[in-house]
Amino acid sequence: MKPIVAIVGRPNVGKSTLFNRITGKKISIIEDTPGVTRDRIYYEATWNGREMLLVDTGGIEPKSDDEILRHMRMQAQIAIASADVIILMCDLRAGLTADDSDIATMLLKSGKPVIPCVNKVDSVGTPPPEFYEFYGLGFKEEPIPISSVHGNGTGDLLDRVVSYFPQETEESGPEQVIGVAVIGKPNAGKSSLVNKILGEDRMIVSDIAGTTRDATDSRVENKYGVFNFIDTAGIRRQSKINDKIEKYSVIRAKLAVERADVCIVMIDAVQGITEQDEHIAGLAHEAGKAVIVCVNKWDLVEKETNTQAEFAKKIKTALAYMDYASVMFISAKTGLRIDKLFEEINQVYTQSNKRVSTGMLNDMLSDAVARVQPPSDKGRRLKIYYMTQNSVAPPTFVLFCNNAQLFHFSYQRYIENCLREVFGFKGTPIRLIIREKGDNPD
């Protein structure tokens, strides 16, 4: 396991800015509003060839009784408990506060290596006199002056961090990690599902809409393999999004879809499938991702004969454009069918990355054309010469013909159905590229 480095501190001292600078990516939302980062956000980073798992945490307000702030404090405490090295971040402009001292006391009790740093020291060279009051935090390590915005001092900070890492050992080849984005409307149970899988409350679960704001990565390793679950902010209709930070959150959720291998579309069984569910599922379809539709809160539904079959039929009707999607009925609260979910993730991932030889494809094509004759127009008939697969995730096929305009959508759909009938491709979209003979296949 890579060493875990947690960045902790009061709200709005620049933790997320430092996190983004070290990772080199805009992962955490940055906004001059306390409490923007609420959950723990994990991302891999490297410094001087040493790899680490960096954790951004919500700001700690030790004495607040607010529900969300209390959850944020708990999340930070879990990050502290699991970390190998802790970066305590303070703010030069605010000075040493009582909350800084309270957090320092908490960290001293943890027994973990703690490196204090003081942010917003924008000048290079000797720090200003007010910097030296942070020596009063009481740590073995001296405070390091940094500017997370400009990058000043971050190299010295990381040098100090990696000095606490254990000696490197030889590792085996690269492991296969399946990225799984959990997407859906607010309060569909996305965070509850990830927490159930993790066996811990890593994500804040609350009835308050918009509790999850960032796309939060969580590594899971079990008998089914290695997975990176990405919990995302609930996606509401664009017309209902007024808050600036929530707009960022929705963008992050869409980016999470892009970097995932498999998307789990969470649907609230009590509410039933809605137009917004259809829109969210469409994001995964358009991105070419393998999809599992999870009907959550199934334990709360009153069941009669064929209740599940009828619900599945409604989903297939609403998501007719992606009838390849796998459908499961689960309960994030009770753990119903969670083990089966891992099996399904592996299956749709494998199907999305399946390759078929050109010979087998053209045997199937010959049979398909013999069964249903290609369309014609004004005496000219479509001729399909051959097909080949040029990529996976999603499986993409190039078909060469005499006239692309004759290759109507309905016949393309027929060819896609034949591909699924013969080769499977369960849970994954299929892309067909039509080229006239002589076109460059690339």
Protein backbone atom coordinates (compact mmCIF):
# COMPACT_ATOMS: atom_id res chain seq x y z
CA MET A 1 0.00 0.00 0.00
CA LYS A 2 1.17 3.51 -0.77
CA PRO A 3 1.82 5.74 2.27
CA ILE A 4 -1.23 7.85 3.14
CA VAL A 5 -0.69 11.59 3.65
CA ALA A 6 -3.60 13.57 5.12
CA ILE A 7 -3.93 17.36 4.84
CA VAL A 8 -5.88 18.74 7.80
CA GLY A 9 -6.66 22.13 9.29
CA ARG A 10 -9.35 24.74 9.88
CA PRO A 11 -11.79 25.63 7.07
CA ASN A 12 -10.54 27.90 4.29
CA VAL A 13 -6.81 27.78 5.05
CA GLY A 14 -5.97 26.47 1.54
CA LYS A 15 -5.96 22.68 1.98
CA SER A 16 -7.70 21.96 -1.32
CA THR A 17 -5.43 24.38 -3.21
CA LEU A 18 -2.39 22.53 -1.85
CA PHE A 19 -4.02 19.17 -2.64
CA ASN A 20 -4.61 20.23 -6.25
CA ARG A 21 -1.07 21.60 -6.59
CA ILE A 22 0.56 18.40 -5.32
CA THR A 23 -1.62 16.10 -7.46
CA GLY A 24 -1.31 18.38 -10.48
CA LYS A 25 -5.05 18.14 -11.09
CA LYS A 26 -8.09 20.23 -10.17
CA ILE A 27 -9.74 17.50 -8.11
CA SER A 28 -10.91 19.35 -5.01
CA ILE A 29 -13.32 22.25 -5.36
CA ILE A 30 -11.71 25.55 -4.41
CA GLU A 31 -14.00 28.34 -3.25
CA ASP A 32 -13.66 31.08 -0.62
CA THR A 33 -16.48 29.52 1.39
CA PRO A 34 -15.86 27.49 4.55
CA GLY A 35 -17.00 23.86 4.32
CA VAL A 36 -16.69 23.40 0.56
CA THR A 37 -14.69 20.17 0.97
CA ARG A 38 -16.81 17.90 3.16
CA ASP A 39 -15.72 14.32 2.56
CA ARG A 40 -12.26 12.82 2.42
CA ILE A 41 -10.91 13.04 -1.13
CA TYR A 42 -8.15 10.60 -2.09
CA TYR A 43 -5.78 10.85 -5.06
CA GLU A 44 -2.41 9.38 -5.94
CA ALA A 45 0.58 11.73 -6.11
CA THR A 46 4.33 11.35 -6.67
CA TRP A 47 7.28 13.33 -5.35
CA ASN A 48 10.90 12.52 -6.34
CA GLY A 49 9.83 9.05 -7.46
CA ARG A 50 8.01 8.28 -4.20
CA GLU A 51 4.31 7.49 -4.54
CA MET A 52 1.69 8.44 -1.97
CA LEU A 53 -2.05 8.52 -1.48
CA LEU A 54 -2.92 12.14 -0.68
CA VAL A 55 -6.07 12.90 1.32
CA ASP A 56 -7.89 16.24 1.33
CA THR A 57 -10.23 16.68 4.30
CA GLY A 58 -13.01 19.02 5.26
CA GLY A 59 -12.08 21.90 7.52
CA ILE A 60 -12.14 21.01 11.23
CA GLU A 61 -14.13 23.26 13.55
CA PRO A 62 -13.52 21.52 16.91
CA LYS A 63 -16.38 23.10 18.88
CA SER A 64 -19.20 23.38 16.33
CA ASP A 65 -22.47 21.47 16.87
CA ASP A 66 -23.70 21.97 13.27
CA GLU A 67 -24.61 18.55 11.79
CA ILE A 68 -22.57 18.91 8.60
CA LEU A 69 -19.57 20.40 10.42
CA ARG A 70 -19.76 17.60 12.98
CA HIS A 71 -19.68 15.03 10.14
CA MET A 72 -16.74 16.87 8.57
CA ARG A 73 -14.87 16.72 11.87
CA MET A 74 -15.52 12.97 12.05
CA GLN A 75 -14.27 12.51 8.47
CA ALA A 76 -11.05 14.36 9.30
CA GLN A 77 -10.57 12.23 12.43
CA ILE A 78 -10.89 9.04 10.34
CA ALA A 79 -8.33 10.44 7.88
CA ILE A 80 -5.96 11.17 10.78
CA ALA A 81 -6.37 7.63 12.13
CA SER A 82 -5.56 6.04 8.75
CA ALA A 83 -2.71 8.40 7.75
CA ASP A 84 1.00 7.59 7.86
CA VAL A 85 1.99 11.27 7.76
CA ILE A 86 -0.16 14.34 8.54
CA ILE A 87 0.22 17.87 7.17
CA LEU A 88 -1.32 20.45 9.51
CA MET A 89 -2.11 23.60 7.55
CA CYS A 90 -2.48 27.04 9.13
CA ASP A 91 -3.10 30.51 7.71
CA LEU A 92 -0.52 33.28 8.15
CA ARG A 93 -3.07 36.05 7.56
CA ALA A 94 -5.43 34.73 10.25
CA GLY A 95 -2.60 34.13 12.70
CA LEU A 96 -2.44 31.32 15.25
CA THR A 97 -6.03 30.72 16.40
CA ALA A 98 -7.58 28.78 19.25
CA ASP A 99 -8.92 26.24 16.72
CA ASP A 100 -5.37 25.73 15.36
CA SER A 101 -4.20 24.94 18.89
CA ASP A 102 -7.12 22.56 19.51
CA ILE A 103 -6.41 20.70 16.26
CA ALA A 104 -2.71 20.52 17.13
CA THR A 105 -3.60 18.96 20.50
CA MET A 106 -5.74 16.36 18.69
CA LEU A 107 -2.85 15.53 16.35
CA LEU A 108 -0.28 15.30 19.14
CA LYS A 109 -2.50 12.67 20.81
CA SER A 110 -2.60 10.64 17.57
CA GLY A 111 1.11 9.80 17.84
CA LYS A 112 1.48 10.21 14.05
CA PRO A 113 4.27 12.22 12.37
CA VAL A 114 2.88 15.76 11.91
CA ILE A 115 4.43 18.42 9.69
CA PRO A 116 2.98 21.89 10.35
CA CYS A 117 2.94 24.34 7.46
CA VAL A 118 1.82 27.96 7.33
CA ASN A 119 0.05 28.93 4.12
CA LYS A 120 -0.22 32.31 2.35
CA VAL A 121 3.43 33.21 2.95
CA ASP A 122 3.76 34.75 -0.50
CA SER A 123 7.23 36.29 -0.11
CA VAL A 124 10.33 34.18 -0.82
CA GLY A 125 13.12 34.25 1.75
CA THR A 126 12.84 35.11 5.43
CA PRO A 127 9.22 34.77 6.65
CA PRO A 128 7.52 37.75 8.28
CA PRO A 129 7.72 38.07 12.10
CA GLU A 130 4.14 36.79 12.62
CA PHE A 131 5.17 33.43 11.11
CA TYR A 132 7.19 32.50 14.22
CA GLU A 133 4.17 32.37 16.53
CA PHE A 134 3.28 29.02 14.88
CA TYR A 135 6.31 27.45 16.61
CA GLY A 136 4.00 27.48 19.64
CA LEU A 137 1.98 24.57 18.17
CA GLY A 138 4.37 22.23 20.00
CA PHE A 139 5.44 19.79 17.28
CA LYS A 140 8.84 18.18 16.85
CA GLU A 141 8.93 19.43 13.26
CA GLU A 142 9.40 23.15 12.68
CA PRO A 143 6.64 24.92 10.68
CA ILE A 144 7.31 25.31 6.96
CA PRO A 145 6.27 28.54 5.21
CA ILE A 146 4.42 27.87 1.95
CA SER A 147 2.15 29.45 -0.63
CA SER A 148 -0.20 26.83 -2.04
CA VAL A 149 -1.31 29.29 -4.74
CA HIS A 150 2.19 30.12 -6.01
CA GLY A 151 3.89 26.86 -5.03
CA ASN A 152 6.54 28.48 -2.81
CA GLY A 153 7.83 26.05 -0.18
CA THR A 154 5.79 23.06 -1.35
CA GLY A 155 8.95 21.22 -2.43
CA ASP A 156 10.46 21.62 1.06
CA LEU A 157 7.18 20.40 2.55
CA LEU A 158 7.09 17.28 0.36
CA ASP A 159 10.75 16.53 1.06
CA ARG A 160 9.87 16.50 4.75
CA VAL A 161 6.79 14.32 4.10
CA VAL A 162 8.60 11.59 2.12
CA SER A 163 11.39 11.45 4.73
CA TYR A 164 8.86 9.59 6.91
CA PHE A 165 8.01 6.99 4.25
CA PRO A 166 9.30 3.44 4.74
CA GLN A 167 12.11 2.18 2.54
CA GLU A 168 10.95 1.13 -0.91
CA THR A 169 10.59 -2.55 -1.74
CA GLU A 170 10.32 -4.24 -5.10
CA GLU A 171 6.73 -4.51 -6.29
CA SER A 172 5.09 -6.83 -8.78
CA GLY A 173 3.78 -5.66 -12.15
CA PRO A 174 1.01 -3.09 -12.55
CA GLU A 175 -2.29 -4.08 -11.00
CA GLN A 176 -5.66 -3.82 -12.72
CA VAL A 177 -7.86 -1.29 -10.97
CA ILE A 178 -11.45 -0.91 -12.23
CA GLY A 179 -12.79 2.64 -11.91
CA VAL A 180 -16.46 2.68 -10.85
CA ALA A 181 -18.40 5.98 -10.85
CA VAL A 182 -21.57 6.00 -8.74
CA ILE A 183 -23.95 8.56 -10.28
CA GLY A 184 -27.56 9.58 -9.76
CA LYS A 185 -29.92 12.20 -8.40
CA PRO A 186 -29.44 13.69 -4.92
CA ASN A 187 -30.40 11.32 -2.08
CA ALA A 188 -30.55 8.23 -4.31
CA GLY A 189 -28.17 6.45 -1.91
CA LYS A 190 -24.83 6.89 -3.69
CA SER A 191 -22.78 7.66 -0.57
CA SER A 192 -24.64 5.00 1.43
CA LEU A 193 -23.65 2.39 -1.17
CA VAL A 194 -19.98 3.38 -1.12
CA ASN A 195 -19.94 3.45 2.69
CA LYS A 196 -21.52 -0.03 2.80
CA ILE A 197 -18.90 -1.35 0.40
CA LEU A 198 -16.08 0.25 2.40
CA GLY A 199 -17.48 -0.87 5.73
CA GLU A 200 -16.91 2.61 7.14
CA ASP A 201 -18.52 6.05 7.02
CA ARG A 202 -16.09 7.66 4.59
CA MET A 203 -18.83 9.65 2.84
CA ILE A 204 -21.21 11.90 4.74
CA VAL A 205 -24.74 10.47 4.59
CA SER A 206 -27.54 12.90 5.32
CA ASP A 207 -31.07 13.71 4.20
CA ILE A 208 -29.84 17.20 3.29
CA ALA A 209 -29.65 17.44 -0.52
CA GLY A 210 -26.20 18.35 -1.81
CA THR A 211 -24.26 16.82 1.09
CA THR A 212 -21.67 15.31 -1.27
CA ARG A 213 -20.01 18.04 -3.31
CA ASP A 214 -16.77 16.57 -4.63
CA ALA A 215 -16.27 13.39 -6.61
CA THR A 216 -14.64 11.24 -3.91
CA ASP A 217 -12.30 8.33 -4.71
CA SER A 218 -12.19 5.23 -2.50
CA ARG A 219 -9.97 2.22 -3.12
CA VAL A 220 -11.51 -1.20 -2.45
CA GLU A 221 -9.55 -4.45 -2.56
CA ASN A 222 -11.37 -7.76 -2.00
CA LYS A 223 -11.73 -11.27 -3.41
CA TYR A 224 -13.36 -9.82 -6.55
CA GLY A 225 -10.39 -7.59 -7.43
CA VAL A 226 -9.21 -4.01 -6.96
CA PHE A 227 -11.66 -1.16 -7.52
CA ASN A 228 -11.67 2.62 -7.31
CA PHE A 229 -15.16 3.77 -6.35
CA ILE A 230 -15.94 7.39 -7.22
CA ASP A 231 -18.84 8.81 -5.21
CA THR A 232 -20.25 11.83 -7.00
CA ALA A 233 -22.48 14.77 -6.22
CA GLY A 234 -26.16 14.26 -6.98
CA ILE A 235 -26.99 15.64 -10.42
CA ARG A 236 -30.07 17.87 -10.51
CA ARG A 237 -31.72 19.47 -13.52
CA GLN A 238 -29.67 22.41 -14.77
CA SER A 239 -32.58 24.82 -14.22
CA LYS A 240 -32.57 23.97 -10.49
CA ILE A 241 -28.86 24.62 -9.96
CA ASN A 242 -28.34 28.15 -8.64
CA ASP A 243 -25.47 27.66 -6.22
CA LYS A 244 -22.06 28.33 -7.80
CA ILE A 245 -20.37 25.54 -5.83
CA GLU A 246 -23.06 23.03 -6.83
CA LYS A 247 -22.40 23.85 -10.49
CA TYR A 248 -18.77 22.85 -9.92
CA SER A 249 -19.95 19.66 -8.22
CA VAL A 250 -22.07 18.63 -11.20
CA ILE A 251 -19.13 19.27 -13.53
CA ARG A 252 -16.96 17.04 -11.28
CA ALA A 253 -19.60 14.31 -11.42
CA LYS A 254 -19.54 14.43 -15.22
CA LEU A 255 -15.74 14.30 -15.23
CA ALA A 256 -15.93 11.29 -12.89
CA VAL A 257 -17.96 9.49 -15.56
CA GLU A 258 -15.22 10.22 -18.09
CA ARG A 259 -12.47 8.67 -15.97
CA ALA A 260 -14.48 5.61 -14.90
CA ASP A 261 -14.56 2.19 -16.56
CA VAL A 262 -18.00 1.28 -15.19
CA CYS A 263 -20.87 3.57 -14.16
CA ILE A 264 -23.43 2.58 -11.54
CA VAL A 265 -26.63 4.57 -12.12
CA MET A 266 -28.48 4.76 -8.80
CA ILE A 267 -32.29 4.94 -8.96
CA ASP A 268 -34.51 5.46 -5.93
CA ALA A 269 -36.95 2.54 -5.86
CA VAL A 270 -39.46 4.53 -3.81
CA GLN A 271 -39.57 7.42 -6.30
CA GLY A 272 -39.36 5.25 -9.41
CA ILE A 273 -37.48 6.14 -12.57
CA THR A 274 -37.74 9.80 -13.60
CA GLU A 275 -36.73 11.97 -16.55
CA GLN A 276 -33.68 13.10 -14.61
CA ASP A 277 -32.64 9.46 -14.12
CA GLU A 278 -32.89 9.03 -17.90
CA HIS A 279 -30.70 12.11 -18.41
CA ILE A 280 -28.07 10.90 -15.93
CA ALA A 281 -27.94 7.41 -17.47
CA GLY A 282 -27.48 9.11 -20.84
CA LEU A 283 -24.24 10.70 -19.61
CA ALA A 284 -22.73 7.24 -19.14
CA HIS A 285 -24.12 6.02 -22.47
CA GLU A 286 -22.73 8.98 -24.42
CA ALA A 287 -19.35 8.55 -22.75
CA GLY A 288 -19.29 4.91 -23.92
CA LYS A 289 -19.08 3.44 -20.42
CA ALA A 290 -20.24 0.05 -19.22
CA VAL A 291 -23.41 0.60 -17.16
CA ILE A 292 -25.18 -1.09 -14.26
CA VAL A 293 -28.54 0.36 -13.25
CA CYS A 294 -28.95 -0.16 -9.50
CA VAL A 295 -32.46 0.22 -8.12
CA ASN A 296 -31.70 1.18 -4.51
CA LYS A 297 -33.91 1.06 -1.39
CA TRP A 298 -35.56 -2.13 -2.69
CA ASP A 299 -36.11 -3.15 0.94
CA LEU A 300 -38.60 -0.26 1.30
CA VAL A 301 -40.82 -1.31 -1.60
CA GLU A 302 -44.00 -3.26 -0.90
CA LYS A 303 -43.80 -6.33 -3.09
CA GLU A 304 -46.45 -8.32 -4.88
CA THR A 305 -46.22 -10.95 -7.60
CA ASN A 306 -43.93 -9.77 -10.42
CA THR A 307 -43.09 -6.45 -8.68
CA GLN A 308 -39.42 -6.71 -9.66
CA ALA A 309 -40.17 -7.80 -13.22
CA GLU A 310 -42.60 -4.91 -13.69
CA PHE A 311 -40.09 -2.39 -12.35
CA ALA A 312 -37.36 -3.78 -14.62
CA LYS A 313 -39.74 -3.47 -17.59
CA LYS A 314 -40.32 0.23 -16.77
CA ILE A 315 -36.56 0.80 -16.68
CA LYS A 316 -36.07 -0.93 -20.04
CA THR A 317 -38.84 1.21 -21.53
CA ALA A 318 -37.47 4.49 -20.12
CA LEU A 319 -33.89 3.59 -21.10
CA ALA A 320 -34.75 2.04 -24.44
CA TYR A 321 -31.68 3.66 -26.01
CA MET A 322 -29.48 1.59 -23.69
CA ASP A 323 -31.31 -1.69 -23.31
CA TYR A 324 -27.91 -3.39 -23.02
CA ALA A 325 -27.57 -2.03 -19.45
CA SER A 326 -27.55 -4.53 -16.62
CA VAL A 327 -30.27 -3.96 -13.96
CA MET A 328 -29.92 -4.91 -10.28
CA PHE A 329 -32.18 -4.45 -7.27
CA ILE A 330 -30.18 -3.61 -4.15
CA SER A 331 -30.30 -2.00 -0.73
CA ALA A 332 -27.30 0.10 0.28
CA LYS A 333 -28.68 0.15 3.82
CA THR A 334 -29.02 -3.61 4.36
CA GLY A 335 -26.32 -4.76 1.92
CA LEU A 336 -28.80 -6.67 -0.27
CA ARG A 337 -26.97 -8.11 -3.33
CA ILE A 338 -23.79 -6.07 -2.76
CA ASP A 339 -21.61 -9.16 -3.38
CA LYS A 340 -23.51 -9.78 -6.63
CA LEU A 341 -22.79 -6.17 -7.58
CA PHE A 342 -19.04 -6.84 -7.59
CA GLU A 343 -19.56 -9.86 -9.85
CA GLU A 344 -21.63 -7.70 -12.20
CA ILE A 345 -18.98 -4.95 -12.26
CA ASN A 346 -16.35 -7.49 -13.29
CA GLN A 347 -18.61 -8.94 -15.96
CA VAL A 348 -19.58 -5.66 -17.65
CA TYR A 349 -15.96 -4.45 -17.44
CA THR A 350 -14.80 -7.63 -19.20
CA GLN A 351 -17.52 -7.28 -21.85
CA SER A 352 -16.57 -3.64 -22.45
CA ASN A 353 -12.96 -4.67 -23.10
CA LYS A 354 -13.75 -7.74 -25.21
CA ARG A 355 -12.03 -8.16 -28.62
CA VAL A 356 -13.34 -10.31 -31.45
CA SER A 357 -11.18 -11.52 -34.34
CA THR A 358 -11.89 -10.19 -37.83
CA GLY A 359 -12.57 -13.72 -39.07
CA MET A 360 -15.26 -14.36 -36.45
CA LEU A 361 -16.82 -10.96 -37.10
CA ASN A 362 -17.14 -11.59 -40.82
CA ASP A 363 -18.60 -15.05 -40.28
CA MET A 364 -21.28 -13.37 -38.17
CA LEU A 365 -21.75 -10.64 -40.80
CA SER A 366 -22.26 -13.15 -43.60
CA ASP A 367 -24.90 -14.95 -41.58
CA ALA A 368 -26.64 -11.65 -40.66
CA VAL A 369 -26.78 -10.47 -44.29
CA ALA A 370 -28.12 -13.85 -45.43
CA ARG A 371 -30.92 -13.69 -42.84
CA VAL A 372 -31.98 -10.09 -43.47
CA GLN A 373 -31.15 -8.55 -46.81
CA PRO A 374 -29.51 -5.08 -46.66
CA PRO A 375 -31.75 -2.12 -47.66
CA SER A 376 -31.91 -0.64 -51.16
CA ASP A 377 -32.95 2.69 -52.64
CA LYS A 378 -33.90 3.46 -56.26
CA GLY A 379 -32.56 0.16 -57.47
CA ARG A 380 -29.24 0.43 -55.65
CA ARG A 381 -28.66 -2.04 -52.82
CA LEU A 382 -26.35 -1.69 -49.82
CA LYS A 383 -23.35 -4.01 -49.98
CA ILE A 384 -21.29 -4.61 -46.83
CA TYR A 385 -17.84 -5.88 -47.75
CA TYR A 386 -16.34 -6.65 -44.34
CA MET A 387 -16.02 -5.45 -40.76
CA THR A 388 -13.26 -5.24 -38.18
CA GLN A 389 -12.91 -4.14 -34.56
CA ASN A 390 -10.65 -1.15 -34.00
CA SER A 391 -10.99 -0.46 -30.25
CA VAL A 392 -12.53 -1.45 -26.93
CA ALA A 393 -14.22 0.37 -24.01
CA PRO A 394 -16.59 0.72 -25.76
CA PRO A 395 -16.24 -2.04 -28.38
CA THR A 396 -16.03 -0.18 -31.69
CA PHE A 397 -16.41 -1.75 -35.13
CA VAL A 398 -15.70 -0.40 -38.61
CA LEU A 399 -17.92 -1.65 -41.47
CA PHE A 400 -16.91 -1.04 -45.10
CA CYS A 401 -19.69 -0.73 -47.65
CA ASN A 402 -20.48 0.60 -51.14
CA ASN A 403 -22.71 3.51 -50.00
CA ALA A 404 -22.83 4.86 -46.42
CA GLN A 405 -26.15 6.66 -47.07
CA LEU A 406 -27.85 3.31 -47.73
CA PHE A 407 -26.70 1.98 -44.37
CA HIS A 408 -29.80 3.17 -42.48
CA PHE A 409 -29.96 3.37 -38.70
CA SER A 410 -32.42 0.48 -38.51
CA TYR A 411 -29.99 -1.84 -40.29
CA GLN A 412 -27.13 -0.65 -38.08
CA ARG A 413 -29.31 -1.53 -35.10
CA TYR A 414 -29.88 -4.98 -36.62
CA ILE A 415 -26.12 -5.53 -36.97
CA GLU A 416 -25.59 -4.41 -33.38
CA ASN A 417 -28.23 -6.87 -32.17
CA CYS A 418 -26.49 -9.65 -34.12
CA LEU A 419 -23.19 -8.76 -32.45
CA ARG A 420 -24.83 -9.00 -29.04
CA GLU A 421 -26.62 -12.24 -29.93
CA VAL A 422 -23.37 -13.95 -30.97
CA PHE A 423 -20.70 -12.34 -28.76
CA GLY A 424 -22.58 -10.98 -25.71
CA PHE A 425 -21.33 -7.45 -24.90
CA LYS A 426 -23.68 -7.32 -21.90
CA GLY A 427 -23.71 -4.00 -20.08
CA THR A 428 -21.65 -2.05 -22.62
CA PRO A 429 -22.58 0.22 -25.53
CA ILE A 430 -21.35 -0.70 -29.00
CA ARG A 431 -20.11 1.84 -31.55
CA LEU A 432 -20.42 1.26 -35.31
CA ILE A 433 -18.37 3.33 -37.77
CA ILE A 434 -19.61 3.18 -41.37
CA ARG A 435 -17.10 3.78 -44.17
CA GLU A 436 -17.39 3.55 -47.92
CA LYS A 437 -14.84 1.31 -49.59
CA GLY A 438 -11.65 3.26 -50.11
CA ASP A 439 -12.06 5.35 -46.93
CA ASN A 440 -9.18 5.26 -44.47
CA PRO A 441 -10.21 2.77 -41.75
CA ASP A 442 -8.42 4.90 -39.13
